[in-house]
Every structure is written in structure tokens, then in C-alpha cells.
Amino acid sequence: VLSNVSKWHDFNFVVLGGPMHNRLAASIHLKSLHSVDAAELEGPAAGVQWSHDASSIRIGPCNYSGAGTALLALVPSGRGSQVALLVAGIDKPGLKTALHLGIPTIPPMTRAPYTNMLPDYVVTEEVLFEAKGLGGFRAAGYWGHNWQWNSQTSYESC
């Protein structure tokens, strides 16, 4: 837990919840509202954008706002090579769904949660994930070299 949000860019970390849940996620949200040149990027603003009221998520050409929408995204967290894993939902069921993406499909746990088997970002919804598991992704992909959305390495269902 970071008590001083101003130091977040010095660490690798996991952020649980969206902008409405904690100050760090809100800081990420505020950075994402502005267009930032990749060369000047000092925080996780590149590929994930939240709506002003944090009720929807935009990645590439698509907005995701359904009930239970979940997001996992690896984002830059600092001036160097630090990264953050954003585990968020636009509501409580969405956050729960995002957390379930870290549960192994075949226990016992043989790997640390969220360390492999997932691309740089995933968007799903509670109903889709419960019905189809990993086949219920609304979006998944890998960021480009400057943490931007890349159509050649992404799948979206808008």
C-alpha cells in the first residue's frame, strides 16, 4: 500500500480498483484524460482511457461500459522501466470479475496470479466471463512500443 501517491512512479505495483476506488487509480484516471505524447509519458495514461465519470473504459476504437465490465492492463508506472498491473472494474461485479482472472483453472496454483497466460490488456464482462471463461473476452491484446493501442496485436468486440 502506497501512502504517498506522489511516489508511485518509482515502483512496480498492482492497482486494485478503478478511479472511484482509490487515489492512485484516480491519479491514473486524471492522466488518461489528457493526450500525452509517448515521449513525455510519466504514468499509465497510454492505452487505457476512462470516461470522466469512470463509468466506461476506452481502449483503441471501442468503449466498454456494460454492467460488470472488468479490466486488466499492464501499464507504464514510471519514468524508467517500472510497470503497474491495473486490476479494475467499472462497478463491484466488474472488479470481482477482474480478480477472478487471477484464479487458476486447474488448482493447485502452479504459477503466480496474472504472471503469464494473459496479454498486456484484457476487457471482459461478468456475464461473458461466467459463461465462457477465457473465451468471453471483449478485448485483448498487446501494446505497441510506446504503450499505445496497436490494431495488429489486438482483438476488440465493440
C-alpha atoms as a PDB file:
ATOM      1  CA  VAL A   1       0.000   0.000   0.000  1.00  0.00           C
ATOM      2  CA  LEU A   2       1.402   3.362  -1.014  1.00  0.00           C
ATOM      3  CA  SER A   3       0.604   6.057   1.492  1.00  0.00           C
ATOM      4  CA  ASN A   4       2.249   8.730  -0.650  1.00  0.00           C
ATOM      5  CA  VAL A   5       0.748   8.675  -4.147  1.00  0.00           C
ATOM      6  CA  SER A   6       3.392  11.108  -5.398  1.00  0.00           C
ATOM      7  CA  LYS A   7       5.997   8.288  -5.204  1.00  0.00           C
ATOM      8  CA  TRP A   8       4.071   5.810  -7.374  1.00  0.00           C
ATOM      9  CA  HIS A   9       6.322   6.268 -10.395  1.00  0.00           C
ATOM     10  CA  ASP A  10       9.303   4.707  -8.549  1.00  0.00           C
ATOM     11  CA  PHE A  11       7.804   1.221  -8.175  1.00  0.00           C
ATOM     12  CA  ASN A  12       6.278  -1.764  -9.909  1.00  0.00           C
ATOM     13  CA  PHE A  13       2.889  -2.385  -8.333  1.00  0.00           C
ATOM     14  CA  VAL A  14      -0.659  -3.675  -8.632  1.00  0.00           C
ATOM     15  CA  VAL A  15      -3.587  -1.235  -8.523  1.00  0.00           C
ATOM     16  CA  LEU A  16      -6.870  -2.754  -7.384  1.00  0.00           C
ATOM     17  CA  GLY A  17      -9.989  -0.886  -8.415  1.00  0.00           C
ATOM     18  CA  GLY A  18     -10.760   1.919 -10.805  1.00  0.00           C
ATOM     19  CA  PRO A  19     -10.643   5.695 -10.314  1.00  0.00           C
ATOM     20  CA  MET A  20     -13.620   5.603  -7.985  1.00  0.00           C
ATOM     21  CA  HIS A  21     -11.914   3.148  -5.599  1.00  0.00           C
ATOM     22  CA  ASN A  22      -8.544   4.647  -4.668  1.00  0.00           C
ATOM     23  CA  ARG A  23      -6.348   7.720  -5.031  1.00  0.00           C
ATOM     24  CA  LEU A  24      -3.719   6.031  -7.198  1.00  0.00           C
ATOM     25  CA  ALA A  25      -6.297   4.800  -9.691  1.00  0.00           C
ATOM     26  CA  ALA A  26      -7.823   8.294  -9.653  1.00  0.00           C
ATOM     27  CA  SER A  27      -4.386   9.738 -10.421  1.00  0.00           C
ATOM     28  CA  ILE A  28      -4.080   7.312 -13.340  1.00  0.00           C
ATOM     29  CA  HIS A  29      -7.587   8.336 -14.443  1.00  0.00           C
ATOM     30  CA  LEU A  30      -6.704  12.038 -14.446  1.00  0.00           C
ATOM     31  CA  LYS A  31      -3.562  11.418 -16.506  1.00  0.00           C
ATOM     32  CA  SER A  32      -5.589   9.397 -19.016  1.00  0.00           C
ATOM     33  CA  LEU A  33      -7.976  12.282 -19.650  1.00  0.00           C
ATOM     34  CA  HIS A  34      -5.209  14.212 -21.364  1.00  0.00           C
ATOM     35  CA  SER A  35      -3.487  13.419 -24.617  1.00  0.00           C
ATOM     36  CA  VAL A  36       0.118  12.705 -23.669  1.00  0.00           C
ATOM     37  CA  ASP A  37       2.955  12.402 -26.136  1.00  0.00           C
ATOM     38  CA  ALA A  38       4.572   8.964 -25.672  1.00  0.00           C
ATOM     39  CA  ALA A  39       7.992  10.581 -25.239  1.00  0.00           C
ATOM     40  CA  GLU A  40       6.628  12.584 -22.295  1.00  0.00           C
ATOM     41  CA  LEU A  41       4.673   9.742 -20.720  1.00  0.00           C
ATOM     42  CA  GLU A  42       5.349   9.510 -16.998  1.00  0.00           C
ATOM     43  CA  GLY A  43       2.377   7.436 -15.941  1.00  0.00           C
ATOM     44  CA  PRO A  44      -0.150   4.865 -17.038  1.00  0.00           C
ATOM     45  CA  ALA A  45      -2.046   7.047 -19.471  1.00  0.00           C
ATOM     46  CA  ALA A  46      -1.180   5.495 -22.791  1.00  0.00           C
ATOM     47  CA  GLY A  47      -3.631   2.831 -23.901  1.00  0.00           C
ATOM     48  CA  VAL A  48      -6.414   2.846 -21.298  1.00  0.00           C
ATOM     49  CA  GLN A  49      -8.775   5.798 -21.021  1.00  0.00           C
ATOM     50  CA  TRP A  50     -11.604   6.162 -18.508  1.00  0.00           C
ATOM     51  CA  SER A  51     -14.672   8.294 -19.108  1.00  0.00           C
ATOM     52  CA  HIS A  52     -14.915  11.439 -16.970  1.00  0.00           C
ATOM     53  CA  ASP A  53     -17.303   9.744 -14.546  1.00  0.00           C
ATOM     54  CA  ALA A  54     -15.364   6.410 -14.654  1.00  0.00           C
ATOM     55  CA  SER A  55     -18.428   4.569 -15.986  1.00  0.00           C
ATOM     56  CA  SER A  56     -16.722   3.343 -19.149  1.00  0.00           C
ATOM     57  CA  ILE A  57     -13.309   2.298 -20.400  1.00  0.00           C
ATOM     58  CA  ARG A  58     -11.893   3.088 -23.830  1.00  0.00           C
ATOM     59  CA  ILE A  59      -9.193   1.022 -25.499  1.00  0.00           C
ATOM     60  CA  GLY A  60      -8.457   1.616 -29.149  1.00  0.00           C
ATOM     61  CA  PRO A  61     -11.664   2.280 -31.096  1.00  0.00           C
ATOM     62  CA  CYS A  62     -14.020   0.757 -28.506  1.00  0.00           C
ATOM     63  CA  ASN A  63     -15.829   1.907 -25.378  1.00  0.00           C
ATOM     64  CA  TYR A  64     -16.797  -0.679 -22.767  1.00  0.00           C
ATOM     65  CA  SER A  65     -19.495   0.287 -20.304  1.00  0.00           C
ATOM     66  CA  GLY A  66     -21.700  -2.730 -19.624  1.00  0.00           C
ATOM     67  CA  ALA A  67     -22.516  -3.790 -16.095  1.00  0.00           C
ATOM     68  CA  GLY A  68     -19.765  -5.998 -14.722  1.00  0.00           C
ATOM     69  CA  THR A  69     -17.100  -4.720 -17.142  1.00  0.00           C
ATOM     70  CA  ALA A  70     -13.636  -5.771 -15.979  1.00  0.00           C
ATOM     71  CA  LEU A  71     -10.174  -4.581 -16.997  1.00  0.00           C
ATOM     72  CA  LEU A  72      -6.702  -5.987 -16.503  1.00  0.00           C
ATOM     73  CA  ALA A  73      -3.992  -3.874 -18.075  1.00  0.00           C
ATOM     74  CA  LEU A  74      -0.239  -3.705 -17.798  1.00  0.00           C
ATOM     75  CA  VAL A  75       0.684  -0.029 -17.970  1.00  0.00           C
ATOM     76  CA  PRO A  76       3.847   2.066 -17.539  1.00  0.00           C
ATOM     77  CA  SER A  77       4.197   3.293 -13.977  1.00  0.00           C
ATOM     78  CA  GLY A  78       7.253   5.468 -14.051  1.00  0.00           C
ATOM     79  CA  ARG A  79       9.966   7.267 -15.880  1.00  0.00           C
ATOM     80  CA  GLY A  80      12.016   4.113 -16.374  1.00  0.00           C
ATOM     81  CA  SER A  81      11.025   0.529 -16.839  1.00  0.00           C
ATOM     82  CA  GLN A  82       8.558   0.332 -13.955  1.00  0.00           C
ATOM     83  CA  VAL A  83       5.137  -1.129 -14.698  1.00  0.00           C
ATOM     84  CA  ALA A  84       1.807  -1.433 -12.946  1.00  0.00           C
ATOM     85  CA  LEU A  85      -0.927  -4.008 -13.269  1.00  0.00           C
ATOM     86  CA  LEU A  86      -4.299  -2.292 -13.222  1.00  0.00           C
ATOM     87  CA  VAL A  87      -6.997  -4.683 -11.955  1.00  0.00           C
ATOM     88  CA  ALA A  88     -10.257  -2.773 -12.175  1.00  0.00           C
ATOM     89  CA  GLY A  89     -13.940  -2.851 -12.915  1.00  0.00           C
ATOM     90  CA  ILE A  90     -16.399  -0.092 -13.636  1.00  0.00           C
ATOM     91  CA  ASP A  91     -18.520  -1.450 -10.769  1.00  0.00           C
ATOM     92  CA  LYS A  92     -18.181  -4.042  -7.966  1.00  0.00           C
ATOM     93  CA  PRO A  93     -19.129  -7.045 -10.146  1.00  0.00           C
ATOM     94  CA  GLY A  94     -16.553  -5.863 -12.701  1.00  0.00           C
ATOM     95  CA  LEU A  95     -13.812  -5.691 -10.073  1.00  0.00           C
ATOM     96  CA  LYS A  96     -14.780  -9.162  -8.845  1.00  0.00           C
ATOM     97  CA  THR A  97     -14.551 -10.484 -12.401  1.00  0.00           C
ATOM     98  CA  ALA A  98     -11.127  -8.871 -12.884  1.00  0.00           C
ATOM     99  CA  LEU A  99      -9.912 -10.512  -9.679  1.00  0.00           C
ATOM    100  CA  HIS A 100     -11.206 -13.898 -10.872  1.00  0.00           C
ATOM    101  CA  LEU A 101      -8.867 -13.707 -13.865  1.00  0.00           C
ATOM    102  CA  GLY A 102      -6.055 -14.461 -11.404  1.00  0.00           C
ATOM    103  CA  ILE A 103      -7.598 -17.729 -10.202  1.00  0.00           C
ATOM    104  CA  PRO A 104      -6.092 -20.802 -11.848  1.00  0.00           C
ATOM    105  CA  THR A 105      -8.357 -23.003 -13.920  1.00  0.00           C
ATOM    106  CA  ILE A 106      -6.693 -26.136 -12.555  1.00  0.00           C
ATOM    107  CA  PRO A 107      -5.685 -25.876  -8.875  1.00  0.00           C
ATOM    108  CA  PRO A 108      -3.342 -26.214  -7.126  1.00  0.00           C
ATOM    109  CA  MET A 109      -1.770 -22.927  -8.130  1.00  0.00           C
ATOM    110  CA  THR A 110       1.274 -23.677 -10.253  1.00  0.00           C
ATOM    111  CA  ARG A 111       2.025 -20.074 -11.170  1.00  0.00           C
ATOM    112  CA  ALA A 112       1.745 -16.672  -9.564  1.00  0.00           C
ATOM    113  CA  PRO A 113      -1.548 -14.924 -10.465  1.00  0.00           C
ATOM    114  CA  TYR A 114      -1.509 -12.637 -13.502  1.00  0.00           C
ATOM    115  CA  THR A 115       2.083 -13.533 -14.464  1.00  0.00           C
ATOM    116  CA  ASN A 116       1.523 -15.428 -17.671  1.00  0.00           C
ATOM    117  CA  MET A 117      -1.254 -16.635 -19.931  1.00  0.00           C
ATOM    118  CA  LEU A 118      -2.676 -13.119 -20.265  1.00  0.00           C
ATOM    119  CA  PRO A 119      -1.817 -10.434 -22.834  1.00  0.00           C
ATOM    120  CA  ASP A 120      -0.973  -6.819 -21.900  1.00  0.00           C
ATOM    121  CA  TYR A 121      -4.657  -5.983 -21.521  1.00  0.00           C
ATOM    122  CA  VAL A 122      -7.981  -7.777 -21.239  1.00  0.00           C
ATOM    123  CA  VAL A 123     -11.550  -6.458 -21.084  1.00  0.00           C
ATOM    124  CA  THR A 124     -14.428  -8.782 -20.218  1.00  0.00           C
ATOM    125  CA  GLU A 125     -17.841  -8.632 -18.594  1.00  0.00           C
ATOM    126  CA  GLU A 126     -19.160 -10.630 -15.654  1.00  0.00           C
ATOM    127  CA  VAL A 127     -21.844 -12.486 -17.653  1.00  0.00           C
ATOM    128  CA  LEU A 128     -19.496 -13.317 -20.554  1.00  0.00           C
ATOM    129  CA  PHE A 129     -16.696 -14.484 -18.266  1.00  0.00           C
ATOM    130  CA  GLU A 130     -19.018 -16.667 -16.192  1.00  0.00           C
ATOM    131  CA  ALA A 131     -20.499 -18.237 -19.327  1.00  0.00           C
ATOM    132  CA  LYS A 132     -17.389 -18.604 -21.497  1.00  0.00           C
ATOM    133  CA  GLY A 133     -14.361 -18.209 -19.217  1.00  0.00           C
ATOM    134  CA  LEU A 134     -11.335 -17.016 -21.164  1.00  0.00           C
ATOM    135  CA  GLY A 135     -13.433 -17.208 -24.346  1.00  0.00           C
ATOM    136  CA  GLY A 136     -15.563 -14.341 -23.063  1.00  0.00           C
ATOM    137  CA  PHE A 137     -13.083 -11.524 -23.611  1.00  0.00           C
ATOM    138  CA  ARG A 138     -14.467  -8.355 -25.200  1.00  0.00           C
ATOM    139  CA  ALA A 139     -10.924  -7.138 -25.928  1.00  0.00           C
ATOM    140  CA  ALA A 140      -7.405  -8.465 -25.540  1.00  0.00           C
ATOM    141  CA  GLY A 141      -4.060  -7.501 -26.945  1.00  0.00           C
ATOM    142  CA  TYR A 142      -0.538  -6.246 -26.649  1.00  0.00           C
ATOM    143  CA  TRP A 143       0.523  -2.593 -26.525  1.00  0.00           C
ATOM    144  CA  GLY A 144       2.845  -1.103 -29.122  1.00  0.00           C
ATOM    145  CA  HIS A 145       6.409   0.004 -28.374  1.00  0.00           C
ATOM    146  CA  ASN A 146       5.236   3.244 -26.758  1.00  0.00           C
ATOM    147  CA  TRP A 147       2.354   1.725 -24.757  1.00  0.00           C
ATOM    148  CA  GLN A 148      -0.205   2.693 -27.403  1.00  0.00           C
ATOM    149  CA  TRP A 149      -3.057   0.583 -28.737  1.00  0.00           C
ATOM    150  CA  ASN A 150      -1.997  -1.398 -31.810  1.00  0.00           C
ATOM    151  CA  SER A 151      -4.596  -2.838 -34.208  1.00  0.00           C
ATOM    152  CA  GLN A 152      -2.158  -5.521 -35.415  1.00  0.00           C
ATOM    153  CA  THR A 153      -1.776  -7.065 -31.977  1.00  0.00           C
ATOM    154  CA  SER A 154      -5.292  -6.560 -30.629  1.00  0.00           C
ATOM    155  CA  TYR A 155      -8.753  -8.079 -30.676  1.00  0.00           C
ATOM    156  CA  GLU A 156     -11.825  -5.965 -29.928  1.00  0.00           C
ATOM    157  CA  SER A 157     -15.524  -6.676 -29.950  1.00  0.00           C
ATOM    158  CA  CYS A 158     -17.153  -3.261 -29.680  1.00  0.00           C
END
